[in-house]
Amino acid sequence: MDIDAIPIPGEIKPEKSKSSRTEDNRRIKEFETTQLQRQMVIFMKGCGVDHEGIALQIGCSKSTLEKKFKAELNTGKNWLHGRASIKAVTMALSGDRAMLSLLLKTQFGWRESGRVEHTGANGGAIQLETLANEQLHSLLASLGEGKAPKRRPGGTGEA
């Protein structure tokens, strides 16, 4: 499925040009909307642009924007969310492992295991050895002097 072939909602034809009269009987042409402007409003709203910014780009006031593009302002974020979701799923199903992993974690509750288990020799329990106070002080002193402690055959350090 081609994502770009999905139409933007609100395929509304431009409103017919209306005009009104001022107090001194001058004719004022009302703002006419175009399909391109409607698409721009949907896209910019979906991207998080505020109403003032959209109005500036469209070439109208904020109040005109909110009056003439009400449907587009209400659907912009949902439209973009839907398009992005379709693209993400398409990427994941076509073999993009990073996108598949992201979707599984964010949409389907999967998670990576953060559990780490430590074991001793051959998978057994860790053997702990107690040191006498003199041995501990001697080890700490040798580490402080930059000397490596001597190893005894049992595998533990010895001063």
N, C-alpha and C. Protein backbone atom coordinates (compact mmCIF):
# COMPACT_ATOMS: atom_id res chain seq x y z
N MET A 1 0.84 -1.18 0.00
CA MET A 1 0.00 0.00 0.00
C MET A 1 0.89 1.24 0.00
N ASP A 2 0.60 2.15 -0.90
CA ASP A 2 1.36 3.38 -1.01
C ASP A 2 0.77 4.43 -0.07
N ILE A 3 1.57 4.82 0.92
CA ILE A 3 1.10 5.77 1.94
C ILE A 3 0.71 7.10 1.30
N ASP A 4 1.46 7.53 0.31
CA ASP A 4 1.19 8.83 -0.29
C ASP A 4 -0.10 8.83 -1.11
N ALA A 5 -0.65 7.66 -1.41
CA ALA A 5 -1.89 7.59 -2.18
C ALA A 5 -3.11 7.78 -1.30
N ILE A 6 -2.93 7.77 0.02
CA ILE A 6 -4.06 7.95 0.93
C ILE A 6 -4.47 9.41 0.91
N PRO A 7 -5.73 9.69 0.59
CA PRO A 7 -6.15 11.09 0.48
C PRO A 7 -6.28 11.75 1.85
N ILE A 8 -6.11 13.03 1.85
CA ILE A 8 -6.34 13.82 3.05
C ILE A 8 -7.84 13.96 3.21
N PRO A 9 -8.36 13.80 4.44
CA PRO A 9 -9.80 13.92 4.62
C PRO A 9 -10.30 15.32 4.31
N GLY A 10 -11.58 15.40 4.08
CA GLY A 10 -12.18 16.71 3.83
C GLY A 10 -12.03 17.16 2.41
N GLU A 11 -12.20 16.24 1.47
CA GLU A 11 -12.12 16.60 0.06
C GLU A 11 -13.32 17.50 -0.27
N ILE A 12 -13.28 18.70 0.22
CA ILE A 12 -14.39 19.64 0.08
C ILE A 12 -14.04 20.64 -1.02
N LYS A 13 -15.00 20.88 -1.86
CA LYS A 13 -14.79 21.87 -2.92
C LYS A 13 -14.79 23.27 -2.30
N PRO A 14 -14.06 24.19 -2.91
CA PRO A 14 -14.04 25.55 -2.36
C PRO A 14 -15.44 26.14 -2.32
N GLU A 15 -15.66 26.92 -1.28
CA GLU A 15 -16.95 27.59 -1.17
C GLU A 15 -17.07 28.63 -2.27
N LYS A 16 -18.29 28.85 -2.69
CA LYS A 16 -18.52 29.89 -3.70
C LYS A 16 -18.21 31.24 -3.09
N SER A 17 -17.71 32.09 -3.93
CA SER A 17 -17.34 33.43 -3.46
C SER A 17 -18.58 34.18 -3.00
N LYS A 18 -18.49 34.69 -1.80
CA LYS A 18 -19.58 35.49 -1.24
C LYS A 18 -19.03 36.89 -1.02
N SER A 19 -19.92 37.81 -1.02
CA SER A 19 -19.48 39.16 -0.70
C SER A 19 -20.51 39.80 0.22
N SER A 20 -20.05 40.76 0.93
CA SER A 20 -20.94 41.51 1.80
C SER A 20 -20.64 42.98 1.62
N ARG A 21 -21.44 43.80 2.22
CA ARG A 21 -21.29 45.25 2.03
C ARG A 21 -20.94 45.91 3.35
N THR A 22 -20.12 46.93 3.25
CA THR A 22 -19.76 47.72 4.43
C THR A 22 -20.82 48.78 4.64
N GLU A 23 -20.66 49.57 5.69
CA GLU A 23 -21.62 50.63 6.00
C GLU A 23 -21.73 51.66 4.87
N ASP A 24 -20.60 51.90 4.20
CA ASP A 24 -20.64 52.89 3.11
C ASP A 24 -20.89 52.21 1.76
N ASN A 25 -21.48 51.00 1.80
CA ASN A 25 -21.94 50.26 0.63
C ASN A 25 -20.81 49.76 -0.29
N ARG A 26 -19.60 49.62 0.26
CA ARG A 26 -18.52 49.01 -0.53
C ARG A 26 -18.64 47.50 -0.43
N ARG A 27 -18.33 46.82 -1.51
CA ARG A 27 -18.41 45.37 -1.53
C ARG A 27 -17.10 44.79 -0.99
N ILE A 28 -17.21 43.81 -0.04
CA ILE A 28 -16.05 43.12 0.51
C ILE A 28 -16.15 41.66 0.12
N LYS A 29 -15.12 41.16 -0.53
CA LYS A 29 -15.11 39.76 -0.93
C LYS A 29 -14.69 38.90 0.26
N GLU A 30 -15.44 37.84 0.53
CA GLU A 30 -15.11 36.94 1.64
C GLU A 30 -13.93 36.05 1.27
N PHE A 31 -13.29 35.54 2.30
CA PHE A 31 -12.13 34.66 2.11
C PHE A 31 -12.57 33.35 1.45
N GLU A 32 -11.93 33.01 0.33
CA GLU A 32 -12.22 31.75 -0.36
C GLU A 32 -11.16 30.72 0.00
N THR A 33 -11.60 29.51 0.30
CA THR A 33 -10.66 28.44 0.63
C THR A 33 -10.38 27.60 -0.60
N THR A 34 -9.18 27.03 -0.65
CA THR A 34 -8.82 26.12 -1.74
C THR A 34 -8.48 24.76 -1.14
N GLN A 35 -8.46 23.75 -2.00
CA GLN A 35 -8.12 22.41 -1.54
C GLN A 35 -6.69 22.37 -1.01
N LEU A 36 -5.78 23.08 -1.65
CA LEU A 36 -4.40 23.13 -1.18
C LEU A 36 -4.32 23.73 0.22
N GLN A 37 -5.06 24.80 0.47
CA GLN A 37 -5.07 25.40 1.80
C GLN A 37 -5.62 24.43 2.83
N ARG A 38 -6.66 23.69 2.49
CA ARG A 38 -7.24 22.72 3.41
C ARG A 38 -6.22 21.64 3.76
N GLN A 39 -5.50 21.17 2.75
CA GLN A 39 -4.47 20.15 2.99
C GLN A 39 -3.34 20.70 3.85
N MET A 40 -2.96 21.95 3.59
CA MET A 40 -1.91 22.57 4.40
C MET A 40 -2.34 22.69 5.85
N VAL A 41 -3.59 23.08 6.09
CA VAL A 41 -4.09 23.24 7.46
C VAL A 41 -4.06 21.89 8.17
N ILE A 42 -4.52 20.84 7.51
CA ILE A 42 -4.52 19.50 8.12
C ILE A 42 -3.09 19.09 8.47
N PHE A 43 -2.18 19.26 7.53
CA PHE A 43 -0.80 18.83 7.75
C PHE A 43 -0.13 19.65 8.85
N MET A 44 -0.28 20.96 8.80
CA MET A 44 0.37 21.81 9.80
C MET A 44 -0.23 21.59 11.19
N LYS A 45 -1.55 21.38 11.29
CA LYS A 45 -2.17 21.09 12.58
C LYS A 45 -1.66 19.76 13.11
N GLY A 46 -1.52 18.77 12.23
CA GLY A 46 -0.99 17.47 12.62
C GLY A 46 0.44 17.56 13.14
N CYS A 47 1.20 18.50 12.60
CA CYS A 47 2.59 18.68 13.02
C CYS A 47 2.72 19.55 14.27
N GLY A 48 1.60 20.06 14.77
CA GLY A 48 1.63 20.81 16.02
C GLY A 48 1.77 22.32 15.87
N VAL A 49 1.61 22.83 14.66
CA VAL A 49 1.70 24.29 14.47
C VAL A 49 0.45 24.92 15.09
N ASP A 50 0.63 26.03 15.81
CA ASP A 50 -0.53 26.67 16.45
C ASP A 50 -1.35 27.44 15.42
N HIS A 51 -2.55 27.86 15.84
CA HIS A 51 -3.48 28.51 14.92
C HIS A 51 -2.92 29.79 14.33
N GLU A 52 -2.18 30.55 15.12
CA GLU A 52 -1.60 31.80 14.60
C GLU A 52 -0.61 31.50 13.46
N GLY A 53 0.21 30.48 13.66
CA GLY A 53 1.19 30.11 12.64
C GLY A 53 0.54 29.60 11.36
N ILE A 54 -0.52 28.81 11.53
CA ILE A 54 -1.23 28.30 10.34
C ILE A 54 -1.89 29.45 9.60
N ALA A 55 -2.54 30.34 10.33
CA ALA A 55 -3.22 31.49 9.71
C ALA A 55 -2.23 32.34 8.92
N LEU A 56 -1.05 32.53 9.47
CA LEU A 56 -0.02 33.32 8.80
C LEU A 56 0.37 32.67 7.47
N GLN A 57 0.53 31.35 7.47
CA GLN A 57 0.91 30.65 6.25
C GLN A 57 -0.22 30.62 5.22
N ILE A 58 -1.45 30.52 5.68
CA ILE A 58 -2.60 30.47 4.78
C ILE A 58 -2.93 31.85 4.22
N GLY A 59 -2.65 32.87 5.00
CA GLY A 59 -2.92 34.23 4.55
C GLY A 59 -4.27 34.76 5.02
N CYS A 60 -4.62 34.42 6.25
CA CYS A 60 -5.88 34.91 6.80
C CYS A 60 -5.70 35.17 8.29
N SER A 61 -6.73 35.68 8.92
CA SER A 61 -6.66 35.91 10.37
C SER A 61 -6.94 34.61 11.11
N LYS A 62 -6.62 34.60 12.39
CA LYS A 62 -6.86 33.42 13.21
C LYS A 62 -8.36 33.12 13.27
N SER A 63 -9.18 34.16 13.40
CA SER A 63 -10.63 33.93 13.48
C SER A 63 -11.18 33.38 12.17
N THR A 64 -10.67 33.85 11.03
CA THR A 64 -11.10 33.32 9.73
C THR A 64 -10.67 31.86 9.60
N LEU A 65 -9.45 31.57 10.02
CA LEU A 65 -8.96 30.19 9.98
C LEU A 65 -9.90 29.28 10.78
N GLU A 66 -10.22 29.69 12.00
CA GLU A 66 -11.06 28.85 12.87
C GLU A 66 -12.48 28.73 12.35
N LYS A 67 -12.94 29.70 11.58
CA LYS A 67 -14.29 29.65 11.02
C LYS A 67 -14.33 28.82 9.74
N LYS A 68 -13.38 29.05 8.84
CA LYS A 68 -13.41 28.41 7.52
C LYS A 68 -12.78 27.02 7.49
N PHE A 69 -11.88 26.74 8.44
CA PHE A 69 -11.16 25.46 8.42
C PHE A 69 -11.42 24.64 9.69
N LYS A 70 -12.62 24.75 10.23
CA LYS A 70 -12.95 24.09 11.49
C LYS A 70 -12.74 22.57 11.40
N ALA A 71 -13.25 21.94 10.37
CA ALA A 71 -13.13 20.48 10.22
C ALA A 71 -11.67 20.06 10.10
N GLU A 72 -10.88 20.80 9.34
CA GLU A 72 -9.46 20.47 9.16
C GLU A 72 -8.68 20.62 10.46
N LEU A 73 -9.00 21.65 11.22
CA LEU A 73 -8.31 21.86 12.50
C LEU A 73 -8.66 20.74 13.49
N ASN A 74 -9.87 20.21 13.40
CA ASN A 74 -10.29 19.14 14.31
C ASN A 74 -9.73 17.77 13.93
N THR A 75 -9.39 17.57 12.66
CA THR A 75 -8.94 16.24 12.23
C THR A 75 -7.45 16.16 11.93
N GLY A 76 -6.75 17.27 11.93
CA GLY A 76 -5.34 17.29 11.51
C GLY A 76 -4.45 16.33 12.25
N LYS A 77 -4.51 16.35 13.57
CA LYS A 77 -3.62 15.50 14.36
C LYS A 77 -3.95 14.02 14.17
N ASN A 78 -5.24 13.69 14.15
CA ASN A 78 -5.64 12.30 13.94
C ASN A 78 -5.23 11.79 12.57
N TRP A 79 -5.34 12.64 11.56
CA TRP A 79 -4.96 12.25 10.21
C TRP A 79 -3.46 11.91 10.16
N LEU A 80 -2.63 12.80 10.71
CA LEU A 80 -1.19 12.57 10.68
C LEU A 80 -0.80 11.35 11.52
N HIS A 81 -1.46 11.19 12.66
CA HIS A 81 -1.21 10.03 13.51
C HIS A 81 -1.51 8.74 12.75
N GLY A 82 -2.62 8.72 12.04
CA GLY A 82 -2.98 7.55 11.24
C GLY A 82 -1.98 7.27 10.14
N ARG A 83 -1.55 8.29 9.43
CA ARG A 83 -0.58 8.11 8.34
C ARG A 83 0.74 7.58 8.88
N ALA A 84 1.19 8.15 10.00
CA ALA A 84 2.46 7.71 10.59
C ALA A 84 2.36 6.28 11.08
N SER A 85 1.22 5.91 11.65
CA SER A 85 1.03 4.54 12.13
C SER A 85 1.06 3.54 10.98
N ILE A 86 0.40 3.88 9.89
CA ILE A 86 0.39 3.00 8.71
C ILE A 86 1.80 2.83 8.19
N LYS A 87 2.57 3.91 8.12
CA LYS A 87 3.95 3.85 7.63
C LYS A 87 4.80 2.98 8.55
N ALA A 88 4.64 3.12 9.87
CA ALA A 88 5.42 2.33 10.83
C ALA A 88 5.12 0.85 10.69
N VAL A 89 3.85 0.50 10.58
CA VAL A 89 3.47 -0.91 10.43
C VAL A 89 3.98 -1.46 9.11
N THR A 90 3.88 -0.68 8.05
CA THR A 90 4.38 -1.11 6.74
C THR A 90 5.87 -1.39 6.81
N MET A 91 6.63 -0.50 7.46
CA MET A 91 8.07 -0.70 7.60
C MET A 91 8.37 -1.97 8.41
N ALA A 92 7.65 -2.16 9.51
CA ALA A 92 7.89 -3.32 10.38
C ALA A 92 7.59 -4.61 9.63
N LEU A 93 6.50 -4.64 8.88
CA LEU A 93 6.11 -5.86 8.17
C LEU A 93 6.98 -6.14 6.94
N SER A 94 7.70 -5.11 6.48
CA SER A 94 8.58 -5.33 5.33
C SER A 94 10.00 -5.68 5.75
N GLY A 95 10.21 -5.90 7.07
CA GLY A 95 11.50 -6.40 7.52
C GLY A 95 12.36 -5.44 8.31
N ASP A 96 11.90 -4.26 8.59
CA ASP A 96 12.68 -3.31 9.38
C ASP A 96 12.62 -3.75 10.84
N ARG A 97 13.70 -4.38 11.30
CA ARG A 97 13.71 -4.97 12.65
C ARG A 97 13.62 -3.93 13.76
N ALA A 98 14.24 -2.78 13.56
CA ALA A 98 14.18 -1.73 14.57
C ALA A 98 12.74 -1.24 14.73
N MET A 99 12.04 -1.05 13.62
CA MET A 99 10.65 -0.59 13.68
C MET A 99 9.76 -1.67 14.29
N LEU A 100 10.01 -2.92 13.94
CA LEU A 100 9.23 -4.03 14.52
C LEU A 100 9.41 -4.06 16.03
N SER A 101 10.65 -3.92 16.48
CA SER A 101 10.93 -3.92 17.92
C SER A 101 10.23 -2.75 18.60
N LEU A 102 10.29 -1.57 18.00
CA LEU A 102 9.63 -0.40 18.56
C LEU A 102 8.12 -0.60 18.67
N LEU A 103 7.51 -1.11 17.61
CA LEU A 103 6.07 -1.34 17.64
C LEU A 103 5.67 -2.36 18.69
N LEU A 104 6.43 -3.44 18.78
CA LEU A 104 6.10 -4.47 19.76
C LEU A 104 6.18 -3.92 21.18
N LYS A 105 7.16 -3.06 21.43
CA LYS A 105 7.33 -2.50 22.77
C LYS A 105 6.28 -1.44 23.08
N THR A 106 6.01 -0.55 22.12
CA THR A 106 5.12 0.58 22.41
C THR A 106 3.64 0.27 22.21
N GLN A 107 3.32 -0.66 21.32
CA GLN A 107 1.92 -0.91 21.03
C GLN A 107 1.40 -2.24 21.57
N PHE A 108 2.31 -3.19 21.82
CA PHE A 108 1.87 -4.52 22.22
C PHE A 108 2.40 -4.95 23.59
N GLY A 109 3.02 -4.04 24.32
CA GLY A 109 3.43 -4.31 25.68
C GLY A 109 4.66 -5.19 25.86
N TRP A 110 5.38 -5.45 24.79
CA TRP A 110 6.59 -6.25 24.94
C TRP A 110 7.65 -5.41 25.63
N ARG A 111 8.59 -6.08 26.29
CA ARG A 111 9.70 -5.37 26.92
C ARG A 111 10.92 -6.26 26.93
N GLU A 112 12.05 -5.60 27.05
CA GLU A 112 13.31 -6.34 27.14
C GLU A 112 13.52 -6.73 28.58
N SER A 113 14.08 -7.90 28.78
CA SER A 113 14.32 -8.35 30.14
C SER A 113 15.53 -7.63 30.69
N GLY A 114 15.38 -7.08 31.88
CA GLY A 114 16.48 -6.38 32.52
C GLY A 114 17.07 -7.23 33.64
N ARG A 115 16.72 -8.48 33.68
CA ARG A 115 17.15 -9.35 34.77
C ARG A 115 18.51 -9.96 34.45
N VAL A 116 19.44 -9.88 35.40
CA VAL A 116 20.78 -10.44 35.24
C VAL A 116 21.02 -11.38 36.42
N GLU A 117 21.47 -12.57 36.12
CA GLU A 117 21.77 -13.52 37.18
C GLU A 117 23.27 -13.79 37.20
N HIS A 118 23.83 -13.78 38.40
CA HIS A 118 25.25 -14.07 38.57
C HIS A 118 25.37 -15.48 39.15
N THR A 119 26.32 -16.23 38.62
CA THR A 119 26.54 -17.58 39.14
C THR A 119 28.02 -17.80 39.39
N GLY A 120 28.27 -18.81 40.15
CA GLY A 120 29.66 -19.18 40.43
C GLY A 120 30.18 -20.14 39.36
N ALA A 121 31.23 -20.85 39.71
CA ALA A 121 31.86 -21.79 38.77
C ALA A 121 30.86 -22.85 38.33
N ASN A 122 30.87 -23.15 37.04
CA ASN A 122 30.01 -24.17 36.42
C ASN A 122 28.53 -23.93 36.71
N GLY A 123 28.13 -22.68 36.84
CA GLY A 123 26.73 -22.35 37.05
C GLY A 123 26.24 -22.55 38.47
N GLY A 124 27.12 -22.89 39.36
CA GLY A 124 26.73 -23.11 40.75
C GLY A 124 26.64 -21.82 41.54
N ALA A 125 26.45 -21.98 42.82
CA ALA A 125 26.33 -20.82 43.70
C ALA A 125 27.67 -20.11 43.82
N ILE A 126 27.63 -18.83 44.09
CA ILE A 126 28.85 -18.06 44.28
C ILE A 126 29.40 -18.38 45.66
N GLN A 127 30.67 -18.72 45.70
CA GLN A 127 31.32 -19.04 46.97
C GLN A 127 31.92 -17.78 47.56
N LEU A 128 31.54 -17.47 48.75
CA LEU A 128 32.07 -16.30 49.42
C LEU A 128 33.10 -16.74 50.45
N GLU A 129 34.12 -15.94 50.60
CA GLU A 129 35.16 -16.26 51.56
C GLU A 129 35.28 -15.10 52.54
N THR A 130 35.42 -15.43 53.79
CA THR A 130 35.58 -14.37 54.79
C THR A 130 37.06 -14.12 55.02
N LEU A 131 37.37 -12.86 55.17
CA LEU A 131 38.76 -12.48 55.42
C LEU A 131 38.87 -12.00 56.87
N ALA A 132 39.98 -12.32 57.45
CA ALA A 132 40.27 -11.80 58.78
C ALA A 132 40.57 -10.31 58.65
N ASN A 133 40.41 -9.57 59.72
CA ASN A 133 40.65 -8.13 59.69
C ASN A 133 42.04 -7.79 59.18
N GLU A 134 43.07 -8.56 59.62
CA GLU A 134 44.44 -8.27 59.17
C GLU A 134 44.57 -8.46 57.67
N GLN A 135 43.95 -9.51 57.14
CA GLN A 135 44.03 -9.76 55.69
C GLN A 135 43.35 -8.61 54.92
N LEU A 136 42.21 -8.17 55.38
CA LEU A 136 41.48 -7.08 54.73
C LEU A 136 42.29 -5.79 54.76
N HIS A 137 42.86 -5.45 55.91
CA HIS A 137 43.68 -4.23 56.02
C HIS A 137 44.90 -4.32 55.13
N SER A 138 45.50 -5.49 55.06
CA SER A 138 46.67 -5.68 54.23
C SER A 138 46.31 -5.52 52.75
N LEU A 139 45.18 -6.07 52.32
CA LEU A 139 44.73 -5.92 50.93
C LEU A 139 44.46 -4.45 50.60
N LEU A 140 43.76 -3.77 51.48
CA LEU A 140 43.44 -2.37 51.24
C LEU A 140 44.71 -1.52 51.19
N ALA A 141 45.67 -1.82 52.03
CA ALA A 141 46.94 -1.07 52.05
C ALA A 141 47.69 -1.29 50.75
N SER A 142 47.73 -2.55 50.27
CA SER A 142 48.46 -2.82 49.02
C SER A 142 47.77 -2.17 47.83
N LEU A 143 46.44 -2.08 47.86
CA LEU A 143 45.73 -1.41 46.77
C LEU A 143 46.00 0.09 46.81
N GLY A 144 46.10 0.63 47.99
CA GLY A 144 46.38 2.06 48.14
C GLY A 144 47.78 2.41 47.68
N GLU A 145 48.73 1.49 47.76
CA GLU A 145 50.11 1.75 47.34
C GLU A 145 50.29 1.44 45.87
N GLY A 146 49.25 0.96 45.21
CA GLY A 146 49.35 0.65 43.79
C GLY A 146 49.91 -0.73 43.52
N LYS A 147 50.07 -1.55 44.54
CA LYS A 147 50.58 -2.91 44.35
C LYS A 147 49.40 -3.84 44.13
N ALA A 148 49.59 -4.78 43.28
CA ALA A 148 48.57 -5.81 43.11
C ALA A 148 48.76 -6.84 44.20
N PRO A 149 47.71 -7.31 44.82
CA PRO A 149 47.86 -8.32 45.85
C PRO A 149 48.35 -9.64 45.27
N LYS A 150 49.11 -10.37 46.08
CA LYS A 150 49.60 -11.67 45.63
C LYS A 150 48.44 -12.65 45.63
N ARG A 151 48.46 -13.58 44.72
CA ARG A 151 47.42 -14.58 44.64
C ARG A 151 47.91 -15.87 45.26
N ARG A 152 47.05 -16.47 46.00
CA ARG A 152 47.42 -17.78 46.52
C ARG A 152 46.70 -18.83 45.68
N PRO A 153 47.09 -20.06 45.75
CA PRO A 153 46.55 -21.10 44.88
C PRO A 153 45.02 -21.23 44.93
N GLY A 154 44.38 -20.87 46.01
CA GLY A 154 42.93 -21.00 46.11
C GLY A 154 42.18 -19.96 45.30
N GLY A 155 42.85 -18.96 44.74
CA GLY A 155 42.24 -17.98 43.90
C GLY A 155 41.89 -16.67 44.60
N THR A 156 42.20 -16.54 45.88
CA THR A 156 41.88 -15.29 46.55
C THR A 156 43.15 -14.52 46.79
N GLY A 157 43.00 -13.22 47.00
CA GLY A 157 44.19 -12.38 47.22
C GLY A 157 44.78 -12.61 48.59
N GLU A 158 46.09 -12.39 48.66
CA GLU A 158 46.78 -12.55 49.93
C GLU A 158 47.78 -11.43 50.06
N ALA A 159 47.91 -10.90 51.23
CA ALA A 159 48.82 -9.79 51.44
C ALA A 159 50.26 -10.25 51.57
